[in-house]
């Protein structure tokens, strides 16, 4: 019985603590579990709150206006440096439409393709699979990643794919914080290679390599 009384008493204390004083106005400050003397100068530091007054400035405001001519540089993982190359950094033409093809300053060579393959296997293959058919590991849990071999993706402008990698789409999260713009283009180049490999025929093989593949 003693245990029952103790448990009942404990429950009553909890109920009173949680609900008994709701809405009550107190005249004394709450108990400070970690008082200032335990952490001098750290717990209550001097600071201005938003829209507070300040006697330091002539206009009396703590909030300061932006300097003349200032421009935003972006905020968060999707922030891009200021630039004047919308093709490389945005995948868009000056009129805002998505570009087709790759930025002219990028060299699409074996090294570039290898970089795209590495980045693709790290960030893209878990969803889209190593061959780009959308049957990555997440497809086993009810998710339906895009199949890069669908005509919709094959005919999509490279700039639109770049935009999707940058900002995400649907269940796909943005990857701008993980892939630099050049790496995004490298991934797109590798995706195009996967598409070409799937749809390729013997006629696409240069004549000088026919013997290697046993082609006549």
C-alpha atoms as a PDB file:
ATOM      1  CA  UNK A   1       0.000   0.000   0.000  1.00  0.00           C
ATOM      2  CA  UNK A   2       2.856   2.333   0.754  1.00  0.00           C
ATOM      3  CA  UNK A   3       4.043   2.070  -2.835  1.00  0.00           C
ATOM      4  CA  UNK A   4       0.559   2.918  -4.119  1.00  0.00           C
ATOM      5  CA  UNK A   5       0.459   6.042  -1.942  1.00  0.00           C
ATOM      6  CA  UNK A   6       3.878   7.150  -3.155  1.00  0.00           C
ATOM      7  CA  UNK A   7       2.971   6.636  -6.794  1.00  0.00           C
ATOM      8  CA  UNK A   8      -0.327   8.478  -6.308  1.00  0.00           C
ATOM      9  CA  UNK A   9       1.444  11.366  -4.576  1.00  0.00           C
ATOM     10  CA  UNK A  10       4.018  11.541  -7.380  1.00  0.00           C
ATOM     11  CA  UNK A  11       1.300  11.652 -10.053  1.00  0.00           C
ATOM     12  CA  UNK A  12      -0.556  14.404  -8.179  1.00  0.00           C
ATOM     13  CA  UNK A  13       2.642  16.461  -7.996  1.00  0.00           C
ATOM     14  CA  UNK A  14       3.139  16.034 -11.755  1.00  0.00           C
ATOM     15  CA  UNK A  15      -0.426  17.080 -12.512  1.00  0.00           C
ATOM     16  CA  UNK A  16      -0.193  20.150 -10.286  1.00  0.00           C
ATOM     17  CA  UNK A  17       3.172  21.087 -11.750  1.00  0.00           C
ATOM     18  CA  UNK A  18       1.884  20.684 -15.300  1.00  0.00           C
ATOM     19  CA  UNK A  19      -1.617  22.112 -15.041  1.00  0.00           C
ATOM     20  CA  UNK A  20      -2.172  23.609 -11.623  1.00  0.00           C
ATOM     21  CA  UNK A  21      -0.420  26.925 -12.280  1.00  0.00           C
ATOM     22  CA  UNK A  22      -1.244  27.471 -15.948  1.00  0.00           C
ATOM     23  CA  UNK A  23      -2.234  31.072 -16.534  1.00  0.00           C
ATOM     24  CA  UNK A  24      -1.026  32.164 -13.101  1.00  0.00           C
ATOM     25  CA  UNK A  25       0.865  35.468 -12.923  1.00  0.00           C
ATOM     26  CA  UNK A  26       3.989  35.253 -10.790  1.00  0.00           C
ATOM     27  CA  UNK A  27       5.710  38.206  -9.115  1.00  0.00           C
ATOM     28  CA  UNK A  28       9.101  36.557  -8.818  1.00  0.00           C
ATOM     29  CA  UNK A  29      11.376  35.296 -11.626  1.00  0.00           C
ATOM     30  CA  UNK A  30      11.550  31.542 -12.190  1.00  0.00           C
ATOM     31  CA  UNK A  31      14.222  29.490 -10.520  1.00  0.00           C
ATOM     32  CA  UNK A  32      17.473  29.714 -12.452  1.00  0.00           C
ATOM     33  CA  UNK A  33      18.895  26.193 -12.529  1.00  0.00           C
ATOM     34  CA  UNK A  34      22.210  27.449 -13.944  1.00  0.00           C
ATOM     35  CA  UNK A  35      22.726  30.900 -12.413  1.00  0.00           C
ATOM     36  CA  UNK A  36      24.887  33.597 -13.986  1.00  0.00           C
ATOM     37  CA  UNK A  37      27.672  33.193 -11.429  1.00  0.00           C
ATOM     38  CA  UNK A  38      28.288  29.680 -12.740  1.00  0.00           C
ATOM     39  CA  UNK A  39      28.900  30.987 -16.291  1.00  0.00           C
ATOM     40  CA  UNK A  40      29.955  34.634 -15.889  1.00  0.00           C
ATOM     41  CA  UNK A  41      29.687  36.683 -19.048  1.00  0.00           C
ATOM     42  CA  UNK A  42      28.340  33.800 -21.138  1.00  0.00           C
ATOM     43  CA  UNK A  43      24.715  33.360 -20.225  1.00  0.00           C
ATOM     44  CA  UNK A  44      23.533  36.954 -20.413  1.00  0.00           C
ATOM     45  CA  UNK A  45      25.581  38.782 -22.998  1.00  0.00           C
ATOM     46  CA  UNK A  46      24.927  42.304 -24.112  1.00  0.00           C
ATOM     47  CA  UNK A  47      23.064  42.353 -27.425  1.00  0.00           C
ATOM     48  CA  UNK A  48      20.463  44.219 -29.375  1.00  0.00           C
ATOM     49  CA  UNK A  49      17.143  42.584 -30.166  1.00  0.00           C
ATOM     50  CA  UNK A  50      15.405  43.024 -33.513  1.00  0.00           C
ATOM     51  CA  UNK A  51      13.872  46.504 -33.971  1.00  0.00           C
ATOM     52  CA  UNK A  52      15.226  47.634 -30.614  1.00  0.00           C
ATOM     53  CA  UNK A  53      16.338  51.184 -29.850  1.00  0.00           C
ATOM     54  CA  UNK A  54      19.997  52.134 -29.684  1.00  0.00           C
ATOM     55  CA  UNK A  55      21.415  55.389 -28.254  1.00  0.00           C
ATOM     56  CA  UNK A  56      24.672  54.723 -30.137  1.00  0.00           C
ATOM     57  CA  UNK A  57      23.293  55.694 -33.552  1.00  0.00           C
ATOM     58  CA  UNK A  58      21.946  59.113 -34.437  1.00  0.00           C
ATOM     59  CA  UNK A  59      18.603  57.746 -35.667  1.00  0.00           C
ATOM     60  CA  UNK A  60      18.141  55.726 -32.471  1.00  0.00           C
ATOM     61  CA  UNK A  61      17.747  52.387 -34.254  1.00  0.00           C
ATOM     62  CA  UNK A  62      19.656  49.170 -33.589  1.00  0.00           C
ATOM     63  CA  UNK A  63      18.727  47.809 -37.038  1.00  0.00           C
ATOM     64  CA  UNK A  64      20.978  49.383 -39.648  1.00  0.00           C
ATOM     65  CA  UNK A  65      19.952  50.125 -43.237  1.00  0.00           C
ATOM     66  CA  UNK A  66      21.853  48.434 -46.061  1.00  0.00           C
ATOM     67  CA  UNK A  67      24.751  50.418 -47.533  1.00  0.00           C
ATOM     68  CA  UNK A  68      24.109  52.129 -50.846  1.00  0.00           C
ATOM     69  CA  UNK A  69      24.809  49.816 -53.800  1.00  0.00           C
ATOM     70  CA  UNK A  70      24.916  46.582 -51.824  1.00  0.00           C
ATOM     71  CA  UNK A  71      23.744  43.443 -53.658  1.00  0.00           C
ATOM     72  CA  UNK A  72      22.696  40.074 -52.198  1.00  0.00           C
ATOM     73  CA  UNK A  73      25.168  37.230 -52.564  1.00  0.00           C
ATOM     74  CA  UNK A  74      22.702  34.491 -51.658  1.00  0.00           C
ATOM     75  CA  UNK A  75      22.096  32.472 -48.522  1.00  0.00           C
ATOM     76  CA  UNK A  76      22.202  28.794 -47.640  1.00  0.00           C
ATOM     77  CA  UNK A  77      23.500  25.732 -49.508  1.00  0.00           C
ATOM     78  CA  UNK A  78      21.925  26.776 -52.815  1.00  0.00           C
ATOM     79  CA  UNK A  79      23.646  30.156 -52.852  1.00  0.00           C
ATOM     80  CA  UNK A  80      25.749  30.708 -55.941  1.00  0.00           C
ATOM     81  CA  UNK A  81      28.540  33.258 -56.335  1.00  0.00           C
ATOM     82  CA  UNK A  82      27.743  36.346 -58.347  1.00  0.00           C
ATOM     83  CA  UNK A  83      28.361  35.645 -62.004  1.00  0.00           C
ATOM     84  CA  UNK A  84      27.456  36.747 -65.499  1.00  0.00           C
ATOM     85  CA  UNK A  85      27.459  33.294 -67.095  1.00  0.00           C
ATOM     86  CA  UNK A  86      23.897  31.986 -66.935  1.00  0.00           C
ATOM     87  CA  UNK A  87      24.794  28.973 -69.082  1.00  0.00           C
ATOM     88  CA  UNK A  88      27.460  27.590 -66.762  1.00  0.00           C
ATOM     89  CA  UNK A  89      25.852  28.483 -63.424  1.00  0.00           C
ATOM     90  CA  UNK A  90      22.118  28.315 -64.182  1.00  0.00           C
ATOM     91  CA  UNK A  91      21.728  26.167 -67.280  1.00  0.00           C
ATOM     92  CA  UNK A  92      19.699  28.927 -68.907  1.00  0.00           C
ATOM     93  CA  UNK A  93      19.842  31.251 -71.871  1.00  0.00           C
ATOM     94  CA  UNK A  94      19.707  35.025 -71.293  1.00  0.00           C
ATOM     95  CA  UNK A  95      15.965  34.897 -71.989  1.00  0.00           C
ATOM     96  CA  UNK A  96      15.459  32.369 -69.171  1.00  0.00           C
ATOM     97  CA  UNK A  97      14.897  29.281 -71.326  1.00  0.00           C
ATOM     98  CA  UNK A  98      16.894  26.123 -70.653  1.00  0.00           C
ATOM     99  CA  UNK A  99      20.008  25.675 -72.777  1.00  0.00           C
ATOM    100  CA  UNK A 100      20.825  22.694 -74.948  1.00  0.00           C
ATOM    101  CA  UNK A 101      24.397  21.504 -74.973  1.00  0.00           C
ATOM    102  CA  UNK A 102      27.279  22.181 -72.606  1.00  0.00           C
ATOM    103  CA  UNK A 103      29.080  25.421 -71.697  1.00  0.00           C
ATOM    104  CA  UNK A 104      31.784  26.195 -74.235  1.00  0.00           C
ATOM    105  CA  UNK A 105      34.510  26.592 -71.590  1.00  0.00           C
ATOM    106  CA  UNK A 106      34.139  22.964 -70.483  1.00  0.00           C
ATOM    107  CA  UNK A 107      36.292  20.372 -72.217  1.00  0.00           C
ATOM    108  CA  UNK A 108      34.321  17.141 -72.610  1.00  0.00           C
ATOM    109  CA  UNK A 109      37.215  14.702 -72.527  1.00  0.00           C
ATOM    110  CA  UNK A 110      37.976  11.403 -70.811  1.00  0.00           C
ATOM    111  CA  UNK A 111      38.967  13.132 -67.575  1.00  0.00           C
ATOM    112  CA  UNK A 112      35.741  15.123 -67.534  1.00  0.00           C
ATOM    113  CA  UNK A 113      33.662  12.001 -68.170  1.00  0.00           C
ATOM    114  CA  UNK A 114      35.477  10.101 -65.427  1.00  0.00           C
ATOM    115  CA  UNK A 115      34.717  12.901 -62.994  1.00  0.00           C
ATOM    116  CA  UNK A 116      31.061  12.703 -63.990  1.00  0.00           C
ATOM    117  CA  UNK A 117      31.063   8.928 -63.517  1.00  0.00           C
ATOM    118  CA  UNK A 118      32.522   9.230 -60.024  1.00  0.00           C
ATOM    119  CA  UNK A 119      30.057  11.907 -58.944  1.00  0.00           C
ATOM    120  CA  UNK A 120      27.171   9.989 -60.510  1.00  0.00           C
ATOM    121  CA  UNK A 121      27.986   6.771 -58.657  1.00  0.00           C
ATOM    122  CA  UNK A 122      28.238   8.643 -55.364  1.00  0.00           C
ATOM    123  CA  UNK A 123      25.182  10.897 -55.541  1.00  0.00           C
ATOM    124  CA  UNK A 124      22.882   9.553 -58.269  1.00  0.00           C
ATOM    125  CA  UNK A 125      23.149   5.764 -58.494  1.00  0.00           C
ATOM    126  CA  UNK A 126      21.409   5.012 -55.149  1.00  0.00           C
ATOM    127  CA  UNK A 127      18.193   6.285 -56.725  1.00  0.00           C
ATOM    128  CA  UNK A 128      18.675   6.058 -60.494  1.00  0.00           C
ATOM    129  CA  UNK A 129      20.902   2.920 -60.437  1.00  0.00           C
ATOM    130  CA  UNK A 130      24.345   2.522 -61.958  1.00  0.00           C
ATOM    131  CA  UNK A 131      22.882   2.273 -65.466  1.00  0.00           C
ATOM    132  CA  UNK A 132      20.347   5.079 -65.075  1.00  0.00           C
ATOM    133  CA  UNK A 133      17.168   3.013 -65.377  1.00  0.00           C
ATOM    134  CA  UNK A 134      15.619   4.337 -62.148  1.00  0.00           C
ATOM    135  CA  UNK A 135      15.900   0.989 -60.351  1.00  0.00           C
ATOM    136  CA  UNK A 136      18.278   2.013 -57.587  1.00  0.00           C
ATOM    137  CA  UNK A 137      18.022   0.759 -54.023  1.00  0.00           C
ATOM    138  CA  UNK A 138      15.317   3.311 -53.117  1.00  0.00           C
ATOM    139  CA  UNK A 139      12.967   1.785 -55.699  1.00  0.00           C
ATOM    140  CA  UNK A 140      12.631  -1.171 -53.317  1.00  0.00           C
ATOM    141  CA  UNK A 141      10.975   1.141 -50.794  1.00  0.00           C
ATOM    142  CA  UNK A 142       8.201   2.500 -52.980  1.00  0.00           C
ATOM    143  CA  UNK A 143      10.009   5.445 -54.533  1.00  0.00           C
ATOM    144  CA  UNK A 144      10.012   5.933 -58.286  1.00  0.00           C
ATOM    145  CA  UNK A 145      13.166   7.743 -59.480  1.00  0.00           C
ATOM    146  CA  UNK A 146      13.320   8.926 -63.069  1.00  0.00           C
ATOM    147  CA  UNK A 147      14.489   6.531 -65.759  1.00  0.00           C
ATOM    148  CA  UNK A 148      17.076   8.387 -67.843  1.00  0.00           C
ATOM    149  CA  UNK A 149      16.325   6.145 -70.801  1.00  0.00           C
ATOM    150  CA  UNK A 150      12.752   7.419 -71.133  1.00  0.00           C
ATOM    151  CA  UNK A 151      12.223   9.608 -74.173  1.00  0.00           C
ATOM    152  CA  UNK A 152      11.173  12.465 -71.885  1.00  0.00           C
ATOM    153  CA  UNK A 153      14.609  12.601 -70.279  1.00  0.00           C
ATOM    154  CA  UNK A 154      16.503  11.813 -73.469  1.00  0.00           C
ATOM    155  CA  UNK A 155      14.870  14.784 -75.187  1.00  0.00           C
ATOM    156  CA  UNK A 156      15.142  17.114 -72.194  1.00  0.00           C
ATOM    157  CA  UNK A 157      17.480  20.101 -72.516  1.00  0.00           C
ATOM    158  CA  UNK A 158      20.739  19.733 -70.635  1.00  0.00           C
ATOM    159  CA  UNK A 159      19.989  23.012 -68.875  1.00  0.00           C
ATOM    160  CA  UNK A 160      16.775  21.597 -67.433  1.00  0.00           C
ATOM    161  CA  UNK A 161      18.627  18.588 -66.041  1.00  0.00           C
ATOM    162  CA  UNK A 162      21.179  20.997 -64.566  1.00  0.00           C
ATOM    163  CA  UNK A 163      18.335  22.959 -62.968  1.00  0.00           C
ATOM    164  CA  UNK A 164      16.883  19.790 -61.450  1.00  0.00           C
ATOM    165  CA  UNK A 165      20.239  18.790 -59.969  1.00  0.00           C
ATOM    166  CA  UNK A 166      20.666  22.309 -58.589  1.00  0.00           C
ATOM    167  CA  UNK A 167      17.225  22.866 -57.068  1.00  0.00           C
ATOM    168  CA  UNK A 168      15.753  19.375 -56.804  1.00  0.00           C
ATOM    169  CA  UNK A 169      12.341  18.256 -58.013  1.00  0.00           C
ATOM    170  CA  UNK A 170       9.577  16.226 -56.392  1.00  0.00           C
ATOM    171  CA  UNK A 171      11.147  13.798 -53.919  1.00  0.00           C
ATOM    172  CA  UNK A 172      14.638  14.631 -55.168  1.00  0.00           C
ATOM    173  CA  UNK A 173      16.534  17.010 -52.917  1.00  0.00           C
ATOM    174  CA  UNK A 174      18.833  19.735 -54.321  1.00  0.00           C
ATOM    175  CA  UNK A 175      22.485  18.835 -54.802  1.00  0.00           C
ATOM    176  CA  UNK A 176      23.945  22.310 -55.251  1.00  0.00           C
ATOM    177  CA  UNK A 177      25.576  22.042 -51.835  1.00  0.00           C
ATOM    178  CA  UNK A 178      27.320  18.812 -52.848  1.00  0.00           C
ATOM    179  CA  UNK A 179      28.156  19.298 -56.515  1.00  0.00           C
ATOM    180  CA  UNK A 180      29.941  22.330 -57.935  1.00  0.00           C
ATOM    181  CA  UNK A 181      28.474  23.656 -61.219  1.00  0.00           C
ATOM    182  CA  UNK A 182      31.234  22.001 -63.247  1.00  0.00           C
ATOM    183  CA  UNK A 183      30.564  18.677 -61.514  1.00  0.00           C
ATOM    184  CA  UNK A 184      26.852  18.951 -62.313  1.00  0.00           C
ATOM    185  CA  UNK A 185      27.706  19.319 -65.982  1.00  0.00           C
ATOM    186  CA  UNK A 186      30.068  16.353 -65.708  1.00  0.00           C
ATOM    187  CA  UNK A 187      27.240  14.243 -64.270  1.00  0.00           C
ATOM    188  CA  UNK A 188      24.969  15.316 -67.127  1.00  0.00           C
ATOM    189  CA  UNK A 189      27.646  14.339 -69.657  1.00  0.00           C
ATOM    190  CA  UNK A 190      27.866  10.907 -68.037  1.00  0.00           C
ATOM    191  CA  UNK A 191      24.072  10.545 -68.074  1.00  0.00           C
ATOM    192  CA  UNK A 192      24.095  11.306 -71.795  1.00  0.00           C
ATOM    193  CA  UNK A 193      26.781   8.621 -72.204  1.00  0.00           C
ATOM    194  CA  UNK A 194      24.567   6.101 -70.367  1.00  0.00           C
ATOM    195  CA  UNK A 195      21.667   6.983 -72.632  1.00  0.00           C
ATOM    196  CA  UNK A 196      23.806   6.658 -75.740  1.00  0.00           C
ATOM    197  CA  UNK A 197      25.198   3.321 -74.557  1.00  0.00           C
ATOM    198  CA  UNK A 198      21.690   1.915 -74.030  1.00  0.00           C
ATOM    199  CA  UNK A 199      20.412   3.054 -77.426  1.00  0.00           C
ATOM    200  CA  UNK A 200      23.652   2.457 -79.340  1.00  0.00           C
ATOM    201  CA  UNK A 201      23.971   0.072 -82.279  1.00  0.00           C
ATOM    202  CA  UNK A 202      26.858  -1.459 -84.204  1.00  0.00           C
ATOM    203  CA  UNK A 203      26.525   1.380 -86.698  1.00  0.00           C
ATOM    204  CA  UNK A 204      27.710   3.805 -84.005  1.00  0.00           C
ATOM    205  CA  UNK A 205      31.080   2.039 -83.668  1.00  0.00           C
ATOM    206  CA  UNK A 206      33.853   3.772 -85.675  1.00  0.00           C
ATOM    207  CA  UNK A 207      35.172   1.574 -88.490  1.00  0.00           C
ATOM    208  CA  UNK A 208      38.663   1.377 -86.984  1.00  0.00           C
ATOM    209  CA  UNK A 209      37.198  -0.466 -83.960  1.00  0.00           C
ATOM    210  CA  UNK A 210      35.064  -2.964 -85.848  1.00  0.00           C
ATOM    211  CA  UNK A 211      37.705  -5.679 -85.729  1.00  0.00           C
ATOM    212  CA  UNK A 212      38.062  -5.348 -81.950  1.00  0.00           C
ATOM    213  CA  UNK A 213      34.355  -6.100 -81.546  1.00  0.00           C
ATOM    214  CA  UNK A 214      34.234  -8.791 -84.208  1.00  0.00           C
ATOM    215  CA  UNK A 215      32.132  -6.670 -86.542  1.00  0.00           C
ATOM    216  CA  UNK A 216      32.325  -7.028 -90.291  1.00  0.00           C
END
